[in-house]
Amino acid sequence: MQFSPDTDDSMVLLYPIREYRPAYTHKIAARPVQGTLKIGNQDEQSIDGLGSSDWTLGFFEHTTSWKWASLSINGVDSSNNQTVSIGINLSAGIYDDKEGISMENAIWINNRVYTVDKVIFQLPTEQFQTSQPWHFDSSVDTKNSPILHLTFQPWGSYEQHDHLLLIAVDFVQPYGTYNGAIDWLGHTYKIDNGVGVTETNSATW
């Protein structure tokens, strides 16, 4: 992954889960990545794209749950049809303030990061979270913040379900495609079949 702290913005958050329980998260998105891919007996292929980095450490509550969404793609500025890099990091639950606004909601447009006001997560019922669409929409009273309207269609998922005496984890991370738009600073940025992930986690640890 290509990243320079001198030219590329990060989203950095130090947040009090509650007294004496801090959490730190450092995220970047929509940065160029290169690598190789090999599936089964196929020849190894070189790949280029955009990627995200997520580093988090915290003293979370004994019982913790969250929802999360992440995306890094090339989108289009509909005002001039120019290609722009777009990164998205959204969450609900763990870093919410008293108004229900997650303090780690952010988007990246061409390496610049902007905080995002309240976003409503609309999930399918639990049994359909890996097959039916998820919806992410900015609150109707959003002001002075990017406005998002996104739909995520899962293709499949990575899951972990552990129930061991005092520890229980139900983790589901669907992967799939995003479609929709972001309105910000007089521009509308279109997202078309952008590959990304979502996540739900409920844990007792």
N, C-alpha and C. Protein backbone atom coordinates (compact mmCIF):
# COMPACT_ATOMS: atom_id res chain seq x y z
N MET A 1 0.84 -1.19 0.00
CA MET A 1 0.00 0.00 0.00
C MET A 1 0.88 1.24 0.00
N GLN A 2 0.54 2.20 -0.85
CA GLN A 2 1.27 3.45 -0.92
C GLN A 2 0.60 4.47 -0.01
N PHE A 3 1.39 5.05 0.90
CA PHE A 3 0.85 6.05 1.82
C PHE A 3 1.96 6.95 2.30
N SER A 4 1.70 8.26 2.30
CA SER A 4 2.63 9.24 2.84
C SER A 4 1.88 10.14 3.81
N PRO A 5 2.30 10.22 5.08
CA PRO A 5 1.62 11.10 6.03
C PRO A 5 1.72 12.58 5.66
N ASP A 6 2.64 12.92 4.75
CA ASP A 6 2.79 14.31 4.34
C ASP A 6 1.72 14.73 3.33
N THR A 7 1.20 13.77 2.56
CA THR A 7 0.26 14.12 1.49
C THR A 7 -1.09 13.42 1.60
N ASP A 8 -1.18 12.38 2.42
CA ASP A 8 -2.41 11.57 2.50
C ASP A 8 -3.00 11.66 3.91
N ASP A 9 -4.29 11.95 3.98
CA ASP A 9 -4.96 12.11 5.27
C ASP A 9 -5.31 10.76 5.91
N SER A 10 -5.25 10.73 7.24
CA SER A 10 -5.72 9.60 8.04
C SER A 10 -6.90 10.04 8.89
N MET A 11 -7.68 9.07 9.35
CA MET A 11 -8.69 9.30 10.37
C MET A 11 -8.15 8.69 11.65
N VAL A 12 -7.88 9.54 12.65
CA VAL A 12 -7.29 9.08 13.91
C VAL A 12 -8.24 9.48 15.04
N LEU A 13 -8.58 8.51 15.88
CA LEU A 13 -9.54 8.76 16.95
C LEU A 13 -9.07 8.13 18.25
N LEU A 14 -9.04 8.93 19.31
CA LEU A 14 -8.85 8.44 20.67
C LEU A 14 -10.14 8.73 21.42
N TYR A 15 -10.82 7.67 21.84
CA TYR A 15 -12.20 7.82 22.31
C TYR A 15 -12.39 7.14 23.67
N PRO A 16 -13.06 7.82 24.61
CA PRO A 16 -13.33 7.20 25.91
C PRO A 16 -14.57 6.30 25.84
N ILE A 17 -14.36 4.99 25.78
CA ILE A 17 -15.50 4.08 25.83
C ILE A 17 -16.29 4.34 27.11
N ARG A 18 -15.59 4.43 28.20
CA ARG A 18 -16.07 5.00 29.45
C ARG A 18 -14.83 5.27 30.30
N GLU A 19 -14.98 5.77 31.50
CA GLU A 19 -13.83 6.15 32.31
C GLU A 19 -12.86 4.98 32.45
N TYR A 20 -11.59 5.27 32.19
CA TYR A 20 -10.50 4.29 32.27
C TYR A 20 -10.60 3.21 31.19
N ARG A 21 -11.41 3.44 30.16
CA ARG A 21 -11.49 2.48 29.06
C ARG A 21 -11.34 3.24 27.72
N PRO A 22 -10.11 3.62 27.37
CA PRO A 22 -9.90 4.32 26.11
C PRO A 22 -9.84 3.35 24.94
N ALA A 23 -10.11 3.88 23.76
CA ALA A 23 -9.93 3.12 22.52
C ALA A 23 -9.25 4.03 21.50
N TYR A 24 -8.35 3.45 20.73
CA TYR A 24 -7.61 4.19 19.71
C TYR A 24 -7.81 3.49 18.38
N THR A 25 -8.13 4.26 17.35
CA THR A 25 -8.24 3.69 16.01
C THR A 25 -7.59 4.63 15.00
N HIS A 26 -6.91 4.04 14.02
CA HIS A 26 -6.17 4.79 13.00
C HIS A 26 -6.49 4.15 11.65
N LYS A 27 -7.12 4.92 10.77
CA LYS A 27 -7.58 4.34 9.52
C LYS A 27 -7.19 5.22 8.33
N ILE A 28 -6.88 4.54 7.24
CA ILE A 28 -6.67 5.20 5.95
C ILE A 28 -7.48 4.43 4.91
N ALA A 29 -7.83 5.10 3.83
CA ALA A 29 -8.66 4.45 2.81
C ALA A 29 -8.35 5.03 1.44
N ALA A 30 -8.71 4.25 0.43
CA ALA A 30 -8.58 4.65 -0.98
C ALA A 30 -7.14 4.95 -1.36
N ARG A 31 -6.23 4.11 -0.88
CA ARG A 31 -4.82 4.26 -1.23
C ARG A 31 -4.42 3.17 -2.22
N PRO A 32 -3.50 3.50 -3.16
CA PRO A 32 -3.08 2.50 -4.15
C PRO A 32 -2.41 1.30 -3.50
N VAL A 33 -2.77 0.12 -3.98
CA VAL A 33 -2.15 -1.12 -3.51
C VAL A 33 -1.77 -1.96 -4.72
N GLN A 34 -0.70 -2.72 -4.55
CA GLN A 34 -0.28 -3.68 -5.56
C GLN A 34 -0.03 -5.01 -4.87
N GLY A 35 -0.23 -6.08 -5.61
CA GLY A 35 0.02 -7.40 -5.04
C GLY A 35 -0.14 -8.48 -6.09
N THR A 36 -0.21 -9.70 -5.62
CA THR A 36 -0.41 -10.84 -6.51
C THR A 36 -1.57 -11.68 -5.98
N LEU A 37 -2.21 -12.40 -6.89
CA LEU A 37 -3.36 -13.23 -6.55
C LEU A 37 -3.22 -14.58 -7.23
N LYS A 38 -3.40 -15.64 -6.44
CA LYS A 38 -3.36 -16.99 -6.98
C LYS A 38 -4.54 -17.76 -6.42
N ILE A 39 -5.37 -18.32 -7.30
CA ILE A 39 -6.54 -19.09 -6.90
C ILE A 39 -6.39 -20.51 -7.44
N GLY A 40 -6.32 -21.47 -6.53
CA GLY A 40 -6.19 -22.87 -6.94
C GLY A 40 -4.95 -23.10 -7.77
N ASN A 41 -5.12 -23.74 -8.91
CA ASN A 41 -4.00 -24.05 -9.80
C ASN A 41 -3.78 -23.00 -10.88
N GLN A 42 -4.50 -21.89 -10.79
CA GLN A 42 -4.33 -20.84 -11.79
C GLN A 42 -2.97 -20.17 -11.62
N ASP A 43 -2.50 -19.57 -12.71
CA ASP A 43 -1.24 -18.83 -12.65
C ASP A 43 -1.40 -17.61 -11.75
N GLU A 44 -0.34 -17.25 -11.06
CA GLU A 44 -0.35 -16.06 -10.22
C GLU A 44 -0.52 -14.82 -11.07
N GLN A 45 -1.38 -13.91 -10.63
CA GLN A 45 -1.66 -12.70 -11.38
C GLN A 45 -1.30 -11.47 -10.55
N SER A 46 -0.73 -10.47 -11.22
CA SER A 46 -0.48 -9.19 -10.57
C SER A 46 -1.77 -8.39 -10.53
N ILE A 47 -2.01 -7.71 -9.43
CA ILE A 47 -3.23 -6.91 -9.30
C ILE A 47 -2.88 -5.51 -8.81
N ASP A 48 -3.66 -4.54 -9.25
CA ASP A 48 -3.56 -3.16 -8.79
C ASP A 48 -4.96 -2.70 -8.39
N GLY A 49 -5.03 -1.88 -7.36
CA GLY A 49 -6.33 -1.39 -6.93
C GLY A 49 -6.19 -0.36 -5.84
N LEU A 50 -7.24 -0.18 -5.07
CA LEU A 50 -7.24 0.71 -3.92
C LEU A 50 -7.55 -0.11 -2.68
N GLY A 51 -6.95 0.28 -1.56
CA GLY A 51 -7.15 -0.47 -0.33
C GLY A 51 -7.27 0.41 0.89
N SER A 52 -7.60 -0.22 2.00
CA SER A 52 -7.77 0.46 3.28
C SER A 52 -6.90 -0.19 4.34
N SER A 53 -6.60 0.57 5.38
CA SER A 53 -5.87 0.05 6.53
C SER A 53 -6.63 0.42 7.79
N ASP A 54 -6.74 -0.53 8.71
CA ASP A 54 -7.53 -0.35 9.93
C ASP A 54 -6.72 -0.90 11.10
N TRP A 55 -6.29 -0.01 11.99
CA TRP A 55 -5.54 -0.43 13.18
C TRP A 55 -6.28 0.09 14.40
N THR A 56 -6.72 -0.83 15.26
CA THR A 56 -7.54 -0.46 16.42
C THR A 56 -7.07 -1.20 17.66
N LEU A 57 -7.02 -0.49 18.78
CA LEU A 57 -6.69 -1.11 20.06
C LEU A 57 -7.50 -0.39 21.13
N GLY A 58 -8.14 -1.17 22.01
CA GLY A 58 -8.94 -0.51 23.04
C GLY A 58 -9.29 -1.44 24.19
N PHE A 59 -9.71 -0.82 25.29
CA PHE A 59 -10.21 -1.55 26.44
C PHE A 59 -11.74 -1.50 26.38
N PHE A 60 -12.31 -2.40 25.58
CA PHE A 60 -13.73 -2.35 25.32
C PHE A 60 -14.54 -2.94 26.48
N GLU A 61 -15.82 -2.66 26.46
CA GLU A 61 -16.71 -3.18 27.49
C GLU A 61 -16.74 -4.71 27.46
N HIS A 62 -17.11 -5.30 28.60
CA HIS A 62 -17.20 -6.76 28.69
C HIS A 62 -18.15 -7.30 27.63
N THR A 63 -19.24 -6.61 27.40
CA THR A 63 -20.16 -6.95 26.31
C THR A 63 -20.16 -5.80 25.32
N THR A 64 -19.78 -6.10 24.09
CA THR A 64 -19.56 -5.07 23.08
C THR A 64 -20.22 -5.50 21.77
N SER A 65 -20.79 -4.52 21.07
CA SER A 65 -21.33 -4.81 19.74
C SER A 65 -21.12 -3.59 18.84
N TRP A 66 -21.01 -3.85 17.55
CA TRP A 66 -20.87 -2.76 16.60
C TRP A 66 -21.30 -3.21 15.21
N LYS A 67 -21.49 -2.20 14.36
CA LYS A 67 -21.70 -2.39 12.92
C LYS A 67 -20.65 -1.53 12.21
N TRP A 68 -20.23 -1.97 11.03
CA TRP A 68 -19.13 -1.28 10.35
C TRP A 68 -19.28 -1.45 8.85
N ALA A 69 -18.79 -0.46 8.10
CA ALA A 69 -18.79 -0.51 6.64
C ALA A 69 -17.51 0.12 6.12
N SER A 70 -16.92 -0.48 5.09
CA SER A 70 -15.65 0.00 4.55
C SER A 70 -15.62 -0.19 3.04
N LEU A 71 -15.05 0.81 2.36
CA LEU A 71 -15.00 0.78 0.90
C LEU A 71 -13.84 1.64 0.41
N SER A 72 -13.14 1.18 -0.62
CA SER A 72 -12.09 1.96 -1.30
C SER A 72 -12.21 1.69 -2.79
N ILE A 73 -12.58 2.73 -3.56
CA ILE A 73 -12.78 2.54 -5.00
C ILE A 73 -12.44 3.82 -5.75
N ASN A 74 -12.44 3.71 -7.08
CA ASN A 74 -12.45 4.87 -7.95
C ASN A 74 -13.88 5.15 -8.36
N GLY A 75 -14.37 6.34 -8.01
CA GLY A 75 -15.71 6.76 -8.39
C GLY A 75 -15.64 7.87 -9.42
N VAL A 76 -16.78 8.50 -9.66
CA VAL A 76 -16.87 9.55 -10.68
C VAL A 76 -17.53 10.79 -10.08
N ASP A 77 -16.91 11.95 -10.32
CA ASP A 77 -17.50 13.24 -9.97
C ASP A 77 -18.46 13.61 -11.09
N SER A 78 -19.76 13.58 -10.82
CA SER A 78 -20.75 13.76 -11.88
C SER A 78 -20.75 15.17 -12.45
N SER A 79 -20.12 16.13 -11.76
CA SER A 79 -20.10 17.50 -12.26
C SER A 79 -19.15 17.67 -13.44
N ASN A 80 -18.14 16.80 -13.52
CA ASN A 80 -17.16 16.93 -14.60
C ASN A 80 -16.72 15.59 -15.20
N ASN A 81 -17.33 14.49 -14.71
CA ASN A 81 -17.01 13.13 -15.17
C ASN A 81 -15.56 12.73 -14.93
N GLN A 82 -14.92 13.38 -13.97
CA GLN A 82 -13.55 13.02 -13.61
C GLN A 82 -13.55 11.86 -12.61
N THR A 83 -12.55 11.00 -12.74
CA THR A 83 -12.38 9.90 -11.80
C THR A 83 -11.77 10.42 -10.50
N VAL A 84 -12.32 9.99 -9.38
CA VAL A 84 -11.81 10.38 -8.06
C VAL A 84 -11.69 9.13 -7.20
N SER A 85 -10.69 9.12 -6.33
CA SER A 85 -10.58 8.02 -5.37
C SER A 85 -11.51 8.31 -4.19
N ILE A 86 -12.25 7.29 -3.77
CA ILE A 86 -13.24 7.43 -2.71
C ILE A 86 -13.02 6.35 -1.66
N GLY A 87 -12.91 6.76 -0.41
CA GLY A 87 -12.84 5.82 0.69
C GLY A 87 -13.95 6.10 1.68
N ILE A 88 -14.46 5.05 2.29
CA ILE A 88 -15.56 5.18 3.24
C ILE A 88 -15.27 4.34 4.48
N ASN A 89 -15.47 4.94 5.65
CA ASN A 89 -15.42 4.21 6.92
C ASN A 89 -16.61 4.66 7.76
N LEU A 90 -17.53 3.75 8.02
CA LEU A 90 -18.72 4.06 8.80
C LEU A 90 -18.87 3.05 9.92
N SER A 91 -19.40 3.49 11.05
CA SER A 91 -19.66 2.54 12.13
C SER A 91 -20.89 2.98 12.92
N ALA A 92 -21.38 2.07 13.71
CA ALA A 92 -22.49 2.37 14.62
C ALA A 92 -22.33 1.50 15.86
N GLY A 93 -22.54 2.13 17.01
CA GLY A 93 -22.55 1.37 18.25
C GLY A 93 -21.42 1.69 19.20
N ILE A 94 -20.19 1.49 18.77
CA ILE A 94 -19.10 1.51 19.74
C ILE A 94 -18.52 2.90 19.99
N TYR A 95 -18.53 3.77 18.99
CA TYR A 95 -17.96 5.11 19.15
C TYR A 95 -19.03 6.19 19.07
N ASP A 96 -20.28 5.85 19.37
CA ASP A 96 -21.38 6.81 19.25
C ASP A 96 -21.38 7.81 20.39
N ASP A 97 -21.68 9.08 20.05
CA ASP A 97 -21.86 10.09 21.09
C ASP A 97 -23.31 10.04 21.59
N LYS A 98 -23.69 11.01 22.42
CA LYS A 98 -25.03 11.00 23.01
C LYS A 98 -26.13 11.22 21.98
N GLU A 99 -25.76 11.75 20.81
CA GLU A 99 -26.73 11.96 19.74
C GLU A 99 -26.80 10.77 18.79
N GLY A 100 -26.04 9.73 19.08
CA GLY A 100 -26.03 8.56 18.22
C GLY A 100 -25.18 8.72 16.98
N ILE A 101 -24.25 9.68 17.00
CA ILE A 101 -23.36 9.92 15.87
C ILE A 101 -22.03 9.25 16.14
N SER A 102 -21.60 8.39 15.23
CA SER A 102 -20.32 7.73 15.41
C SER A 102 -19.18 8.71 15.15
N MET A 103 -18.23 8.74 16.06
CA MET A 103 -17.09 9.64 15.94
C MET A 103 -16.05 9.16 14.94
N GLU A 104 -16.22 7.95 14.39
CA GLU A 104 -15.26 7.48 13.39
C GLU A 104 -15.85 7.44 11.98
N ASN A 105 -17.02 8.04 11.78
CA ASN A 105 -17.57 8.14 10.43
C ASN A 105 -16.72 9.10 9.61
N ALA A 106 -16.26 8.63 8.45
CA ALA A 106 -15.41 9.48 7.62
C ALA A 106 -15.45 9.02 6.17
N ILE A 107 -15.19 9.96 5.25
CA ILE A 107 -14.96 9.62 3.85
C ILE A 107 -13.65 10.26 3.41
N TRP A 108 -13.05 9.68 2.37
CA TRP A 108 -11.86 10.23 1.74
C TRP A 108 -12.20 10.53 0.28
N ILE A 109 -11.91 11.74 -0.15
CA ILE A 109 -12.05 12.12 -1.55
C ILE A 109 -10.69 12.61 -2.03
N ASN A 110 -10.10 11.86 -2.96
CA ASN A 110 -8.77 12.21 -3.47
C ASN A 110 -7.79 12.51 -2.34
N ASN A 111 -7.72 11.59 -1.38
CA ASN A 111 -6.74 11.62 -0.27
C ASN A 111 -7.07 12.59 0.86
N ARG A 112 -8.14 13.36 0.73
CA ARG A 112 -8.55 14.26 1.80
C ARG A 112 -9.67 13.60 2.60
N VAL A 113 -9.58 13.68 3.93
CA VAL A 113 -10.57 13.02 4.77
C VAL A 113 -11.57 14.05 5.32
N TYR A 114 -12.84 13.65 5.40
CA TYR A 114 -13.90 14.51 5.90
C TYR A 114 -14.76 13.70 6.88
N THR A 115 -15.05 14.29 8.02
CA THR A 115 -15.92 13.61 8.98
C THR A 115 -17.36 13.62 8.48
N VAL A 116 -18.10 12.61 8.89
CA VAL A 116 -19.47 12.42 8.42
C VAL A 116 -20.42 12.42 9.61
N ASP A 117 -21.53 13.13 9.47
CA ASP A 117 -22.55 13.19 10.52
C ASP A 117 -23.28 11.84 10.62
N LYS A 118 -24.38 11.83 11.31
CA LYS A 118 -25.09 10.58 11.59
C LYS A 118 -25.51 9.86 10.31
N VAL A 119 -25.22 8.56 10.28
CA VAL A 119 -25.62 7.69 9.17
C VAL A 119 -26.50 6.57 9.74
N ILE A 120 -27.62 6.34 9.09
CA ILE A 120 -28.55 5.30 9.52
C ILE A 120 -28.19 3.99 8.82
N PHE A 121 -27.89 2.97 9.62
CA PHE A 121 -27.65 1.62 9.09
C PHE A 121 -29.00 0.89 9.03
N GLN A 122 -29.37 0.42 7.84
CA GLN A 122 -30.58 -0.38 7.68
C GLN A 122 -30.17 -1.77 7.21
N LEU A 123 -30.22 -2.73 8.13
CA LEU A 123 -29.75 -4.08 7.86
C LEU A 123 -30.92 -5.03 7.63
N PRO A 124 -30.71 -6.08 6.84
CA PRO A 124 -31.71 -7.14 6.77
C PRO A 124 -31.79 -7.85 8.12
N THR A 125 -32.82 -8.66 8.30
CA THR A 125 -32.88 -9.48 9.50
C THR A 125 -31.66 -10.40 9.53
N GLU A 126 -31.32 -10.88 10.72
CA GLU A 126 -30.06 -11.59 10.93
C GLU A 126 -29.84 -12.73 9.94
N GLN A 127 -30.86 -13.50 9.64
CA GLN A 127 -30.69 -14.66 8.77
C GLN A 127 -30.40 -14.28 7.32
N PHE A 128 -30.67 -13.01 6.95
CA PHE A 128 -30.46 -12.58 5.57
C PHE A 128 -29.33 -11.56 5.41
N GLN A 129 -28.54 -11.34 6.46
CA GLN A 129 -27.50 -10.31 6.40
C GLN A 129 -26.38 -10.62 5.41
N THR A 130 -26.23 -11.87 5.01
CA THR A 130 -25.19 -12.23 4.04
C THR A 130 -25.75 -12.43 2.64
N SER A 131 -27.02 -12.11 2.43
CA SER A 131 -27.60 -12.32 1.10
C SER A 131 -28.45 -11.15 0.61
N GLN A 132 -29.04 -10.38 1.50
CA GLN A 132 -29.92 -9.30 1.09
C GLN A 132 -29.24 -7.94 1.28
N PRO A 133 -29.71 -6.89 0.59
CA PRO A 133 -29.04 -5.59 0.62
C PRO A 133 -29.05 -4.93 2.00
N TRP A 134 -27.96 -4.19 2.26
CA TRP A 134 -27.86 -3.27 3.39
C TRP A 134 -28.00 -1.85 2.82
N HIS A 135 -28.52 -0.94 3.64
CA HIS A 135 -28.66 0.45 3.20
C HIS A 135 -28.03 1.38 4.23
N PHE A 136 -27.35 2.41 3.72
CA PHE A 136 -26.69 3.41 4.56
C PHE A 136 -27.12 4.79 4.07
N ASP A 137 -27.81 5.54 4.93
CA ASP A 137 -28.33 6.83 4.53
C ASP A 137 -28.06 7.88 5.60
N SER A 138 -27.61 9.05 5.15
CA SER A 138 -27.41 10.15 6.08
C SER A 138 -28.73 10.55 6.71
N SER A 139 -28.66 10.96 7.97
CA SER A 139 -29.84 11.45 8.67
C SER A 139 -30.43 12.64 7.93
N VAL A 140 -31.76 12.77 7.95
CA VAL A 140 -32.42 13.83 7.19
C VAL A 140 -32.05 15.22 7.68
N ASP A 141 -31.57 15.34 8.91
CA ASP A 141 -31.21 16.65 9.44
C ASP A 141 -29.71 16.94 9.31
N THR A 142 -29.02 16.20 8.45
CA THR A 142 -27.58 16.41 8.26
C THR A 142 -27.29 17.79 7.68
N LYS A 143 -26.34 18.51 8.31
CA LYS A 143 -25.90 19.80 7.82
C LYS A 143 -24.38 19.87 7.92
N ASN A 144 -23.77 20.58 6.97
CA ASN A 144 -22.32 20.80 6.98
C ASN A 144 -21.55 19.49 7.07
N SER A 145 -22.02 18.49 6.36
CA SER A 145 -21.39 17.18 6.37
C SER A 145 -21.70 16.49 5.05
N PRO A 146 -20.81 15.61 4.58
CA PRO A 146 -21.15 14.81 3.41
C PRO A 146 -22.46 14.05 3.62
N ILE A 147 -23.26 13.96 2.56
CA ILE A 147 -24.53 13.23 2.60
C ILE A 147 -24.39 11.96 1.77
N LEU A 148 -24.64 10.82 2.41
CA LEU A 148 -24.44 9.53 1.79
C LEU A 148 -25.78 8.82 1.57
N HIS A 149 -25.88 8.16 0.43
CA HIS A 149 -26.98 7.23 0.15
C HIS A 149 -26.37 6.04 -0.58
N LEU A 150 -26.19 4.95 0.14
CA LEU A 150 -25.47 3.79 -0.39
C LEU A 150 -26.26 2.51 -0.16
N THR A 151 -26.13 1.59 -1.10
CA THR A 151 -26.68 0.24 -0.96
C THR A 151 -25.55 -0.76 -1.14
N PHE A 152 -25.51 -1.73 -0.24
CA PHE A 152 -24.50 -2.79 -0.29
C PHE A 152 -25.18 -4.12 -0.55
N GLN A 153 -24.69 -4.83 -1.59
CA GLN A 153 -25.23 -6.15 -1.91
C GLN A 153 -24.19 -7.22 -1.59
N PRO A 154 -24.42 -8.06 -0.59
CA PRO A 154 -23.44 -9.10 -0.25
C PRO A 154 -23.29 -10.14 -1.36
N TRP A 155 -22.05 -10.65 -1.49
CA TRP A 155 -21.76 -11.81 -2.33
C TRP A 155 -21.57 -13.06 -1.48
N GLY A 156 -20.99 -12.87 -0.32
CA GLY A 156 -20.67 -13.97 0.59
C GLY A 156 -20.21 -13.37 1.90
N SER A 157 -19.58 -14.18 2.76
CA SER A 157 -19.17 -13.65 4.06
C SER A 157 -18.09 -14.49 4.69
N TYR A 158 -17.34 -13.84 5.57
CA TYR A 158 -16.47 -14.52 6.53
C TYR A 158 -17.16 -14.43 7.88
N GLU A 159 -17.22 -15.55 8.60
CA GLU A 159 -17.93 -15.56 9.88
C GLU A 159 -17.13 -16.30 10.94
N GLN A 160 -17.33 -15.87 12.18
CA GLN A 160 -16.76 -16.55 13.34
C GLN A 160 -17.82 -16.58 14.44
N HIS A 161 -18.13 -17.77 14.93
CA HIS A 161 -19.12 -17.93 15.98
C HIS A 161 -18.52 -18.84 17.05
N ASP A 162 -18.11 -18.25 18.17
CA ASP A 162 -17.49 -18.99 19.26
C ASP A 162 -18.27 -18.76 20.55
N HIS A 163 -18.55 -19.83 21.25
CA HIS A 163 -19.25 -19.75 22.54
C HIS A 163 -18.52 -20.68 23.50
N LEU A 164 -17.65 -20.07 24.33
CA LEU A 164 -16.75 -20.84 25.19
C LEU A 164 -16.82 -20.31 26.62
N LEU A 165 -17.63 -20.93 27.44
CA LEU A 165 -17.75 -20.55 28.85
C LEU A 165 -18.03 -19.06 29.00
N LEU A 166 -17.02 -18.26 29.37
CA LEU A 166 -17.22 -16.84 29.62
C LEU A 166 -17.04 -15.97 28.37
N ILE A 167 -16.69 -16.59 27.26
CA ILE A 167 -16.43 -15.84 26.04
C ILE A 167 -17.42 -16.25 24.96
N ALA A 168 -17.98 -15.25 24.29
CA ALA A 168 -18.90 -15.51 23.18
C ALA A 168 -18.67 -14.46 22.10
N VAL A 169 -18.52 -14.91 20.87
CA VAL A 169 -18.31 -14.01 19.74
C VAL A 169 -19.21 -14.44 18.59
N ASP A 170 -19.97 -13.49 18.06
CA ASP A 170 -20.73 -13.71 16.83
C ASP A 170 -20.34 -12.60 15.86
N PHE A 171 -19.46 -12.96 14.94
CA PHE A 171 -18.84 -12.01 14.02
C PHE A 171 -19.23 -12.40 12.60
N VAL A 172 -19.78 -11.44 11.86
CA VAL A 172 -20.17 -11.68 10.47
C VAL A 172 -19.64 -10.53 9.63
N GLN A 173 -18.85 -10.85 8.60
CA GLN A 173 -18.28 -9.82 7.72
C GLN A 173 -18.61 -10.16 6.27
N PRO A 174 -19.75 -9.66 5.78
CA PRO A 174 -20.09 -9.87 4.37
C PRO A 174 -19.17 -9.05 3.46
N TYR A 175 -18.88 -9.59 2.29
CA TYR A 175 -18.18 -8.84 1.25
C TYR A 175 -19.10 -8.79 0.03
N GLY A 176 -18.98 -7.68 -0.74
CA GLY A 176 -19.87 -7.52 -1.88
C GLY A 176 -19.65 -6.18 -2.55
N THR A 177 -20.71 -5.61 -3.12
CA THR A 177 -20.58 -4.38 -3.90
C THR A 177 -21.47 -3.27 -3.36
N TYR A 178 -20.94 -2.05 -3.46
CA TYR A 178 -21.65 -0.83 -3.08
C TYR A 178 -22.08 -0.07 -4.34
N ASN A 179 -23.26 0.52 -4.26
CA ASN A 179 -23.74 1.46 -5.27
C ASN A 179 -24.40 2.64 -4.56
N GLY A 180 -24.29 3.82 -5.18
CA GLY A 180 -24.94 4.98 -4.57
C GLY A 180 -24.20 6.26 -4.88
N ALA A 181 -24.34 7.24 -3.98
CA ALA A 181 -23.76 8.55 -4.23
C ALA A 181 -23.43 9.25 -2.92
N ILE A 182 -22.47 10.17 -3.01
CA ILE A 182 -22.10 11.05 -1.91
C ILE A 182 -22.20 12.48 -2.40
N ASP A 183 -22.93 13.32 -1.70
CA ASP A 183 -23.02 14.75 -2.02
C ASP A 183 -22.18 15.54 -1.03
N TRP A 184 -21.26 16.36 -1.58
CA TRP A 184 -20.38 17.12 -0.70
C TRP A 184 -19.75 18.29 -1.45
N LEU A 185 -19.84 19.47 -0.84
CA LEU A 185 -19.22 20.69 -1.36
C LEU A 185 -19.62 20.96 -2.81
N GLY A 186 -20.91 20.76 -3.11
CA GLY A 186 -21.42 21.05 -4.44
C GLY A 186 -21.15 20.00 -5.48
N HIS A 187 -20.59 18.88 -5.09
CA HIS A 187 -20.29 17.80 -6.02
C HIS A 187 -21.08 16.55 -5.64
N THR A 188 -21.44 15.76 -6.63
CA THR A 188 -22.04 14.45 -6.40
C THR A 188 -21.09 13.39 -6.92
N TYR A 189 -20.66 12.52 -6.03
CA TYR A 189 -19.71 11.47 -6.38
C TYR A 189 -20.46 10.15 -6.51
N LYS A 190 -20.38 9.55 -7.69
CA LYS A 190 -21.12 8.33 -7.98
C LYS A 190 -20.26 7.10 -7.68
N ILE A 191 -20.89 6.12 -7.05
CA ILE A 191 -20.23 4.85 -6.74
C ILE A 191 -20.99 3.75 -7.46
N ASP A 192 -20.27 2.99 -8.30
CA ASP A 192 -20.89 1.97 -9.13
C ASP A 192 -20.16 0.66 -8.97
N ASN A 193 -20.81 -0.31 -8.35
CA ASN A 193 -20.24 -1.65 -8.17
C ASN A 193 -18.86 -1.62 -7.52
N GLY A 194 -18.73 -0.84 -6.46
CA GLY A 194 -17.47 -0.79 -5.71
C GLY A 194 -17.40 -1.94 -4.72
N VAL A 195 -16.32 -2.71 -4.78
CA VAL A 195 -16.18 -3.87 -3.90
C VAL A 195 -15.73 -3.43 -2.52
N GLY A 196 -16.45 -3.88 -1.49
CA GLY A 196 -16.11 -3.53 -0.12
C GLY A 196 -16.68 -4.54 0.85
N VAL A 197 -16.69 -4.18 2.12
CA VAL A 197 -17.17 -5.08 3.17
C VAL A 197 -18.09 -4.34 4.12
N THR A 198 -18.88 -5.13 4.84
CA THR A 198 -19.62 -4.65 6.00
C THR A 198 -19.31 -5.61 7.15
N GLU A 199 -19.87 -5.29 8.33
CA GLU A 199 -19.52 -6.14 9.47
C GLU A 199 -20.52 -5.92 10.60
N THR A 200 -20.87 -7.01 11.27
CA THR A 200 -21.53 -6.93 12.57
C THR A 200 -20.75 -7.79 13.54
N ASN A 201 -20.66 -7.33 14.77
CA ASN A 201 -19.97 -8.11 15.79
C ASN A 201 -20.69 -7.94 17.13
N SER A 202 -20.93 -9.04 17.78
CA SER A 202 -21.48 -9.04 19.13
C SER A 202 -20.61 -9.96 19.96
N ALA A 203 -19.99 -9.40 21.01
CA ALA A 203 -18.99 -10.18 21.75
C ALA A 203 -19.13 -9.98 23.25
N THR A 204 -18.88 -11.04 23.97
CA THR A 204 -18.69 -11.01 25.41
C THR A 204 -17.32 -11.61 25.67
N TRP A 205 -16.42 -10.78 26.24
CA TRP A 205 -15.03 -11.23 26.39
C TRP A 205 -14.42 -10.72 27.68
